[in-house]
């Protein structure tokens, strides 16, 4: 089992950058694929990015590709989401998620068993 705590959210202006962090508890963090999702008010939680347990494979939603970068540091039990060129439509609560898989990383919400509490990102125009 793994527990997840996100941090790094905040209020920024359009065009700014933010780096979100997700710290995981447990000794087996390196065996988990990790994902970032977001949920805006009144909308479904949607996939943003995911990374395999090794960090060798990454996956992005079309809205994130080219602007966001997911990475992980298994020695620190932490996964990151670097967000550049932020837009008002990126405003949402951002959640990290974990799932034990042998290869790759899930890209759908229902495939993840473990979730953090979320961190708010607000981008003003």
C-alpha atoms as a PDB file:
ATOM      1  CA  UNK A   1       0.000   0.000   0.000  1.00  0.00           C
ATOM      2  CA  UNK A   2       1.158   3.559  -0.649  1.00  0.00           C
ATOM      3  CA  UNK A   3       0.048   6.950   0.629  1.00  0.00           C
ATOM      4  CA  UNK A   4       0.387  10.033  -1.547  1.00  0.00           C
ATOM      5  CA  UNK A   5       0.679  13.718  -0.671  1.00  0.00           C
ATOM      6  CA  UNK A   6       0.692  16.402  -3.356  1.00  0.00           C
ATOM      7  CA  UNK A   7       2.204  19.853  -3.021  1.00  0.00           C
ATOM      8  CA  UNK A   8       3.247  22.800  -5.152  1.00  0.00           C
ATOM      9  CA  UNK A   9      -0.078  24.135  -6.302  1.00  0.00           C
ATOM     10  CA  UNK A  10      -0.963  27.803  -6.207  1.00  0.00           C
ATOM     11  CA  UNK A  11      -2.241  30.872  -8.012  1.00  0.00           C
ATOM     12  CA  UNK A  12      -0.247  31.939 -11.062  1.00  0.00           C
ATOM     13  CA  UNK A  13      -0.746  34.011 -14.176  1.00  0.00           C
ATOM     14  CA  UNK A  14      -1.140  32.697 -17.679  1.00  0.00           C
ATOM     15  CA  UNK A  15       2.253  31.835 -19.131  1.00  0.00           C
ATOM     16  CA  UNK A  16       3.821  31.070 -15.760  1.00  0.00           C
ATOM     17  CA  UNK A  17       5.226  27.752 -14.596  1.00  0.00           C
ATOM     18  CA  UNK A  18       4.605  25.515 -11.605  1.00  0.00           C
ATOM     19  CA  UNK A  19       6.127  22.277 -10.427  1.00  0.00           C
ATOM     20  CA  UNK A  20       3.897  19.886  -8.557  1.00  0.00           C
ATOM     21  CA  UNK A  21       5.334  17.217  -6.307  1.00  0.00           C
ATOM     22  CA  UNK A  22       3.811  14.018  -5.014  1.00  0.00           C
ATOM     23  CA  UNK A  23       5.544  12.366  -2.095  1.00  0.00           C
ATOM     24  CA  UNK A  24       4.824   8.704  -1.513  1.00  0.00           C
ATOM     25  CA  UNK A  25       5.191   6.656   1.623  1.00  0.00           C
ATOM     26  CA  UNK A  26       6.295   3.046   1.623  1.00  0.00           C
ATOM     27  CA  UNK A  27       9.378   1.154   0.603  1.00  0.00           C
ATOM     28  CA  UNK A  28       8.021  -0.119  -2.696  1.00  0.00           C
ATOM     29  CA  UNK A  29       7.487   3.214  -4.447  1.00  0.00           C
ATOM     30  CA  UNK A  30       9.778   2.150  -7.269  1.00  0.00           C
ATOM     31  CA  UNK A  31       7.378  -0.661  -8.174  1.00  0.00           C
ATOM     32  CA  UNK A  32       4.488   1.720  -8.844  1.00  0.00           C
ATOM     33  CA  UNK A  33       3.564   3.477 -12.031  1.00  0.00           C
ATOM     34  CA  UNK A  34       2.484   7.023 -11.248  1.00  0.00           C
ATOM     35  CA  UNK A  35      -0.050   9.290 -12.844  1.00  0.00           C
ATOM     36  CA  UNK A  36      -1.272  12.876 -12.626  1.00  0.00           C
ATOM     37  CA  UNK A  37      -4.923  13.709 -13.132  1.00  0.00           C
ATOM     38  CA  UNK A  38      -6.900  16.913 -12.769  1.00  0.00           C
ATOM     39  CA  UNK A  39     -10.466  17.858 -12.058  1.00  0.00           C
ATOM     40  CA  UNK A  40     -12.035  21.224 -12.773  1.00  0.00           C
ATOM     41  CA  UNK A  41     -15.322  22.234 -11.102  1.00  0.00           C
ATOM     42  CA  UNK A  42     -18.262  20.392 -12.603  1.00  0.00           C
ATOM     43  CA  UNK A  43     -16.074  18.219 -14.783  1.00  0.00           C
ATOM     44  CA  UNK A  44     -14.810  14.661 -14.753  1.00  0.00           C
ATOM     45  CA  UNK A  45     -11.361  13.866 -13.438  1.00  0.00           C
ATOM     46  CA  UNK A  46      -9.112  13.651 -16.482  1.00  0.00           C
ATOM     47  CA  UNK A  47      -5.748  12.165 -17.271  1.00  0.00           C
ATOM     48  CA  UNK A  48      -2.779  14.513 -17.555  1.00  0.00           C
ATOM     49  CA  UNK A  49       0.410  12.445 -17.533  1.00  0.00           C
ATOM     50  CA  UNK A  50       1.838   9.130 -16.358  1.00  0.00           C
ATOM     51  CA  UNK A  51       5.224   7.525 -15.887  1.00  0.00           C
ATOM     52  CA  UNK A  52       6.344   3.936 -15.588  1.00  0.00           C
ATOM     53  CA  UNK A  53       8.002   2.582 -12.460  1.00  0.00           C
ATOM     54  CA  UNK A  54      11.434   2.933 -14.046  1.00  0.00           C
ATOM     55  CA  UNK A  55      10.800   6.388 -15.458  1.00  0.00           C
ATOM     56  CA  UNK A  56      11.696   5.175 -18.939  1.00  0.00           C
ATOM     57  CA  UNK A  57       8.178   5.492 -20.323  1.00  0.00           C
ATOM     58  CA  UNK A  58       6.011   8.572 -20.119  1.00  0.00           C
ATOM     59  CA  UNK A  59       2.537   9.320 -21.408  1.00  0.00           C
ATOM     60  CA  UNK A  60       0.705  12.606 -21.864  1.00  0.00           C
ATOM     61  CA  UNK A  61      -2.746  13.893 -22.631  1.00  0.00           C
ATOM     62  CA  UNK A  62      -2.905  15.985 -25.764  1.00  0.00           C
ATOM     63  CA  UNK A  63      -3.541  19.067 -23.630  1.00  0.00           C
ATOM     64  CA  UNK A  64      -0.316  18.492 -21.695  1.00  0.00           C
ATOM     65  CA  UNK A  65       2.032  17.398 -24.445  1.00  0.00           C
ATOM     66  CA  UNK A  66       4.777  19.920 -25.099  1.00  0.00           C
ATOM     67  CA  UNK A  67       3.995  21.990 -21.983  1.00  0.00           C
ATOM     68  CA  UNK A  68       4.079  19.519 -19.077  1.00  0.00           C
ATOM     69  CA  UNK A  69       6.799  17.073 -18.076  1.00  0.00           C
ATOM     70  CA  UNK A  70       6.383  14.186 -15.664  1.00  0.00           C
ATOM     71  CA  UNK A  71       9.412  12.776 -13.894  1.00  0.00           C
ATOM     72  CA  UNK A  72      10.236  10.757 -10.810  1.00  0.00           C
ATOM     73  CA  UNK A  73      12.999  10.278  -8.300  1.00  0.00           C
ATOM     74  CA  UNK A  74      12.710   6.815  -6.819  1.00  0.00           C
ATOM     75  CA  UNK A  75      15.400   7.567  -4.250  1.00  0.00           C
ATOM     76  CA  UNK A  76      13.174  10.344  -2.888  1.00  0.00           C
ATOM     77  CA  UNK A  77       9.862   8.514  -3.368  1.00  0.00           C
ATOM     78  CA  UNK A  78       8.618  11.502  -5.320  1.00  0.00           C
ATOM     79  CA  UNK A  79       7.006  12.144  -8.676  1.00  0.00           C
ATOM     80  CA  UNK A  80       6.916  15.588 -10.251  1.00  0.00           C
ATOM     81  CA  UNK A  81       4.827  17.426 -12.792  1.00  0.00           C
ATOM     82  CA  UNK A  82       6.560  20.415 -14.335  1.00  0.00           C
ATOM     83  CA  UNK A  83       3.965  22.660 -15.916  1.00  0.00           C
ATOM     84  CA  UNK A  84       5.059  25.423 -18.264  1.00  0.00           C
ATOM     85  CA  UNK A  85       3.125  27.971 -20.320  1.00  0.00           C
ATOM     86  CA  UNK A  86       0.114  27.573 -18.071  1.00  0.00           C
ATOM     87  CA  UNK A  87      -3.302  28.557 -19.385  1.00  0.00           C
ATOM     88  CA  UNK A  88      -6.515  29.482 -17.552  1.00  0.00           C
ATOM     89  CA  UNK A  89      -8.005  26.189 -18.749  1.00  0.00           C
ATOM     90  CA  UNK A  90      -5.357  24.358 -16.723  1.00  0.00           C
ATOM     91  CA  UNK A  91      -7.132  25.529 -13.574  1.00  0.00           C
ATOM     92  CA  UNK A  92      -8.128  22.451 -11.585  1.00  0.00           C
ATOM     93  CA  UNK A  93      -7.354  20.323  -8.576  1.00  0.00           C
ATOM     94  CA  UNK A  94      -4.407  18.109  -9.504  1.00  0.00           C
ATOM     95  CA  UNK A  95      -4.174  14.597  -8.120  1.00  0.00           C
ATOM     96  CA  UNK A  96      -1.408  12.062  -8.217  1.00  0.00           C
ATOM     97  CA  UNK A  97      -2.171   8.372  -8.361  1.00  0.00           C
ATOM     98  CA  UNK A  98      -0.249   5.115  -8.045  1.00  0.00           C
ATOM     99  CA  UNK A  99      -0.705   1.633  -9.361  1.00  0.00           C
ATOM    100  CA  UNK A 100       1.523  -1.437  -9.383  1.00  0.00           C
ATOM    101  CA  UNK A 101       2.073  -2.547 -12.937  1.00  0.00           C
ATOM    102  CA  UNK A 102       4.911  -4.509 -14.504  1.00  0.00           C
ATOM    103  CA  UNK A 103       5.346  -2.273 -17.509  1.00  0.00           C
ATOM    104  CA  UNK A 104       4.112   1.026 -18.806  1.00  0.00           C
ATOM    105  CA  UNK A 105       1.627   3.170 -16.882  1.00  0.00           C
ATOM    106  CA  UNK A 106      -2.162   3.365 -16.886  1.00  0.00           C
ATOM    107  CA  UNK A 107      -3.769   6.393 -18.467  1.00  0.00           C
ATOM    108  CA  UNK A 108      -7.330   6.002 -17.219  1.00  0.00           C
ATOM    109  CA  UNK A 109      -8.680   6.959 -13.813  1.00  0.00           C
ATOM    110  CA  UNK A 110     -10.253   3.594 -13.080  1.00  0.00           C
ATOM    111  CA  UNK A 111      -6.930   1.760 -13.364  1.00  0.00           C
ATOM    112  CA  UNK A 112      -5.425   3.485 -10.329  1.00  0.00           C
ATOM    113  CA  UNK A 113      -6.037   2.240  -6.814  1.00  0.00           C
ATOM    114  CA  UNK A 114      -4.186   4.858  -4.763  1.00  0.00           C
ATOM    115  CA  UNK A 115      -4.823   8.608  -4.797  1.00  0.00           C
ATOM    116  CA  UNK A 116      -3.609  11.707  -3.050  1.00  0.00           C
ATOM    117  CA  UNK A 117      -5.844  14.456  -1.691  1.00  0.00           C
ATOM    118  CA  UNK A 118      -5.065  16.895  -4.483  1.00  0.00           C
ATOM    119  CA  UNK A 119      -3.514  20.332  -4.815  1.00  0.00           C
ATOM    120  CA  UNK A 120      -5.245  23.356  -6.316  1.00  0.00           C
ATOM    121  CA  UNK A 121      -3.792  25.058  -9.367  1.00  0.00           C
ATOM    122  CA  UNK A 122      -5.378  28.324 -10.434  1.00  0.00           C
ATOM    123  CA  UNK A 123      -4.234  30.160 -13.544  1.00  0.00           C
ATOM    124  CA  UNK A 124      -5.483  33.706 -14.008  1.00  0.00           C
ATOM    125  CA  UNK A 125      -5.711  35.367 -17.407  1.00  0.00           C
END
